[in-house]
Amino acid sequence: MRAAVREVPDFPRPGINFKDITPLLADRELFGAACALMAEPFLTAGITHVVSIESRGFLFGAPVAVALGAGVVPVRKPGKLPFRTTREEYALEYGTDALEVHDDALPEGARVLIADDVLATGGTAAATARLVRRVGAEVIGSTFLIELAFLGGRAMLPPHRVESAIVYT
């Protein structure tokens, strides 16, 4: 899987070494293996819902949910969901951003796995975890295709379990 992740230097700006997952997505065996690896640590955790983060997280959230026999719930940028929402703002390097979920998407006591493509600084995943808790659900863990461990994002996510299929140190 690691070999299928293409390194794109200086994208989207100079100094960034972008991890392009599109070759992995295009290979049905690798994509299937990646989704299975993301789901496997949580097979016996009683997950009821997988919350996937816009937008590439959607690519993994749905198949992971199917593997776990769970529902899938999208978390989106503001203004993208058509029904009443709850919002969670979070800090960026310069400024803030926000995520939203439908108010009725997670029943109270739901056991949630957060799924996304990349764990970098952890800000988006941490905001998602706060959002899940605000609507009355329990975060059991987070699963990622890629973790950029050198950015320290895992430290933003305790106390729940964090798993990554590919780790760059």
Protein backbone atom coordinates (compact mmCIF):
# COMPACT_ATOMS: atom_id res chain seq x y z
CA MET A 1 0.00 0.00 0.00
CA ARG A 2 2.78 2.43 0.89
CA ALA A 3 4.28 1.96 -2.58
CA ALA A 4 0.96 2.99 -4.15
CA VAL A 5 0.92 6.35 -2.35
CA ARG A 6 2.47 8.85 -4.74
CA GLU A 7 4.68 11.59 -3.28
CA VAL A 8 4.08 14.97 -4.93
CA PRO A 9 6.71 17.53 -3.90
CA ASP A 10 5.78 21.18 -3.41
CA PHE A 11 2.01 20.59 -3.57
CA PRO A 12 -0.16 22.47 -2.77
CA ARG A 13 2.66 24.89 -1.93
CA PRO A 14 6.46 24.85 -1.73
CA GLY A 15 7.85 22.70 1.07
CA ILE A 16 4.84 20.38 1.29
CA ASN A 17 5.38 16.74 0.26
CA PHE A 18 1.79 15.74 -0.59
CA LYS A 19 0.72 12.11 -0.18
CA ASP A 20 -1.45 11.38 -3.24
CA ILE A 21 -3.70 8.38 -2.52
CA THR A 22 -5.39 8.25 -5.94
CA PRO A 23 -3.20 5.37 -7.23
CA LEU A 24 -4.15 3.32 -4.16
CA LEU A 25 -7.84 4.13 -4.65
CA ALA A 26 -7.67 3.03 -8.29
CA ASP A 27 -6.33 -0.44 -7.38
CA ARG A 28 -9.33 -2.48 -6.22
CA GLU A 29 -7.23 -4.96 -4.25
CA LEU A 30 -5.20 -2.28 -2.46
CA PHE A 31 -8.28 -0.16 -1.78
CA GLY A 32 -10.10 -3.18 -0.36
CA ALA A 33 -7.09 -4.14 1.76
CA ALA A 34 -6.76 -0.57 3.06
CA CYS A 35 -10.42 -0.45 4.11
CA ALA A 36 -10.14 -3.87 5.77
CA LEU A 37 -7.05 -2.72 7.70
CA MET A 38 -8.84 0.41 8.83
CA ALA A 39 -11.84 -1.60 10.09
CA GLU A 40 -10.05 -4.63 11.58
CA PRO A 41 -8.95 -3.17 14.95
CA PHE A 42 -12.58 -2.25 15.67
CA LEU A 43 -14.40 -5.44 14.56
CA THR A 44 -15.35 -6.38 18.12
CA ALA A 45 -15.75 -2.84 19.52
CA GLY A 46 -19.52 -2.63 19.02
CA ILE A 47 -19.30 0.32 16.61
CA THR A 48 -22.78 1.53 15.65
CA HIS A 49 -21.77 4.45 13.40
CA VAL A 50 -18.74 5.48 11.39
CA VAL A 51 -18.38 9.25 11.17
CA SER A 52 -16.44 10.20 8.05
CA ILE A 53 -14.86 13.60 7.53
CA GLU A 54 -15.27 15.66 4.35
CA SER A 55 -14.18 14.93 1.75
CA ARG A 56 -11.67 12.12 1.25
CA GLY A 57 -12.79 10.58 4.54
CA PHE A 58 -16.05 9.74 2.75
CA LEU A 59 -14.11 7.36 0.49
CA PHE A 60 -13.10 5.27 3.50
CA GLY A 61 -15.95 5.83 5.94
CA ALA A 62 -18.57 4.00 3.89
CA PRO A 63 -16.65 0.75 3.24
CA VAL A 64 -15.36 0.71 6.83
CA ALA A 65 -18.95 1.09 8.06
CA VAL A 66 -20.06 -1.81 5.86
CA ALA A 67 -17.22 -3.98 7.22
CA LEU A 68 -18.30 -3.14 10.78
CA GLY A 69 -22.03 -3.55 10.17
CA ALA A 70 -22.50 0.11 11.13
CA GLY A 71 -24.18 3.18 9.71
CA VAL A 72 -22.16 5.98 8.14
CA VAL A 73 -22.54 9.66 9.07
CA PRO A 74 -20.91 12.49 7.11
CA VAL A 75 -19.28 15.45 8.86
CA ARG A 76 -19.12 18.41 6.50
CA LYS A 77 -17.94 21.97 6.16
CA PRO A 78 -20.56 24.60 7.12
CA GLY A 79 -23.55 25.01 4.86
CA LYS A 80 -23.26 21.66 3.07
CA LEU A 81 -25.82 19.65 5.05
CA PRO A 82 -29.52 20.27 4.28
CA PHE A 83 -31.07 19.75 7.74
CA ARG A 84 -30.54 21.25 11.22
CA THR A 85 -26.92 20.92 12.29
CA THR A 86 -24.57 21.21 15.24
CA ARG A 87 -21.31 23.05 14.54
CA GLU A 88 -17.82 22.73 16.03
CA GLU A 89 -15.22 25.39 15.31
CA TYR A 90 -11.50 24.66 15.49
CA ALA A 91 -8.27 26.58 15.11
CA LEU A 92 -6.16 26.55 11.99
CA GLU A 93 -2.63 27.87 11.63
CA TYR A 94 -4.16 31.20 10.60
CA GLY A 95 -7.82 31.61 11.55
CA THR A 96 -10.56 29.08 12.23
CA ASP A 97 -12.70 26.57 10.41
CA ALA A 98 -15.78 24.58 11.37
CA LEU A 99 -17.46 21.22 10.86
CA GLU A 100 -21.13 20.30 11.06
CA VAL A 101 -23.23 17.18 11.56
CA HIS A 102 -26.99 16.74 11.35
CA ASP A 103 -28.57 17.11 14.77
CA ASP A 104 -30.33 13.76 14.43
CA ALA A 105 -27.52 11.78 12.76
CA LEU A 106 -26.27 10.04 15.90
CA PRO A 107 -28.60 8.68 18.54
CA GLU A 108 -27.61 9.26 22.14
CA GLY A 109 -25.21 6.54 23.22
CA ALA A 110 -24.09 5.68 19.68
CA ARG A 111 -20.64 4.05 19.60
CA VAL A 112 -18.67 5.98 16.98
CA LEU A 113 -15.55 5.33 14.94
CA ILE A 114 -14.12 8.41 13.21
CA ALA A 115 -12.65 7.68 9.76
CA ASP A 116 -10.50 9.91 7.56
CA ASP A 117 -7.79 9.60 4.95
CA VAL A 118 -4.93 11.37 6.78
CA LEU A 119 -4.06 12.17 10.38
CA ALA A 120 -1.73 15.18 10.25
CA THR A 121 -1.87 17.75 13.07
CA GLY A 122 -5.06 16.22 14.48
CA GLY A 123 -7.13 19.39 14.51
CA THR A 124 -9.89 18.18 12.21
CA ALA A 125 -10.19 14.77 13.87
CA ALA A 126 -10.18 16.34 17.36
CA ALA A 127 -12.93 18.77 16.31
CA THR A 128 -14.92 15.84 14.93
CA ALA A 129 -14.54 13.97 18.22
CA ARG A 130 -15.80 17.01 20.14
CA LEU A 131 -18.71 17.33 17.72
CA VAL A 132 -19.65 13.66 18.19
CA ARG A 133 -19.60 14.06 21.98
CA ARG A 134 -21.66 17.27 21.80
CA VAL A 135 -24.52 15.44 20.09
CA GLY A 136 -24.49 12.73 22.79
CA ALA A 137 -22.54 9.91 21.15
CA GLU A 138 -19.41 8.13 22.40
CA VAL A 139 -16.14 8.15 20.45
CA ILE A 140 -14.66 4.65 20.57
CA GLY A 141 -11.76 5.32 18.22
CA SER A 142 -10.38 6.87 15.06
CA THR A 143 -9.00 5.14 11.99
CA PHE A 144 -6.91 6.64 9.21
CA LEU A 145 -5.35 5.42 5.98
CA ILE A 146 -2.23 7.54 6.56
CA GLU A 147 -0.69 9.04 9.67
CA LEU A 148 1.99 11.72 9.40
CA ALA A 149 3.42 10.85 12.82
CA PHE A 150 6.08 13.57 12.63
CA LEU A 151 3.28 16.18 12.96
CA GLY A 152 2.08 14.79 16.31
CA GLY A 153 -1.65 14.66 15.56
CA ARG A 154 -2.19 11.48 17.59
CA ALA A 155 -1.60 13.49 20.79
CA MET A 156 -4.70 15.59 19.99
CA LEU A 157 -6.98 12.54 20.10
CA PRO A 158 -6.80 10.88 23.52
CA PRO A 159 -8.33 9.07 25.27
CA HIS A 160 -9.72 6.93 22.48
CA ARG A 161 -7.93 4.35 20.33
CA VAL A 162 -6.17 5.64 17.20
CA GLU A 163 -5.20 3.32 14.34
CA SER A 164 -3.47 4.03 11.02
CA ALA A 165 -2.85 1.68 8.09
CA ILE A 166 0.29 3.52 6.90
CA VAL A 167 2.53 5.58 9.18
CA TYR A 168 5.17 8.05 8.00
CA THR A 169 7.67 8.88 10.78
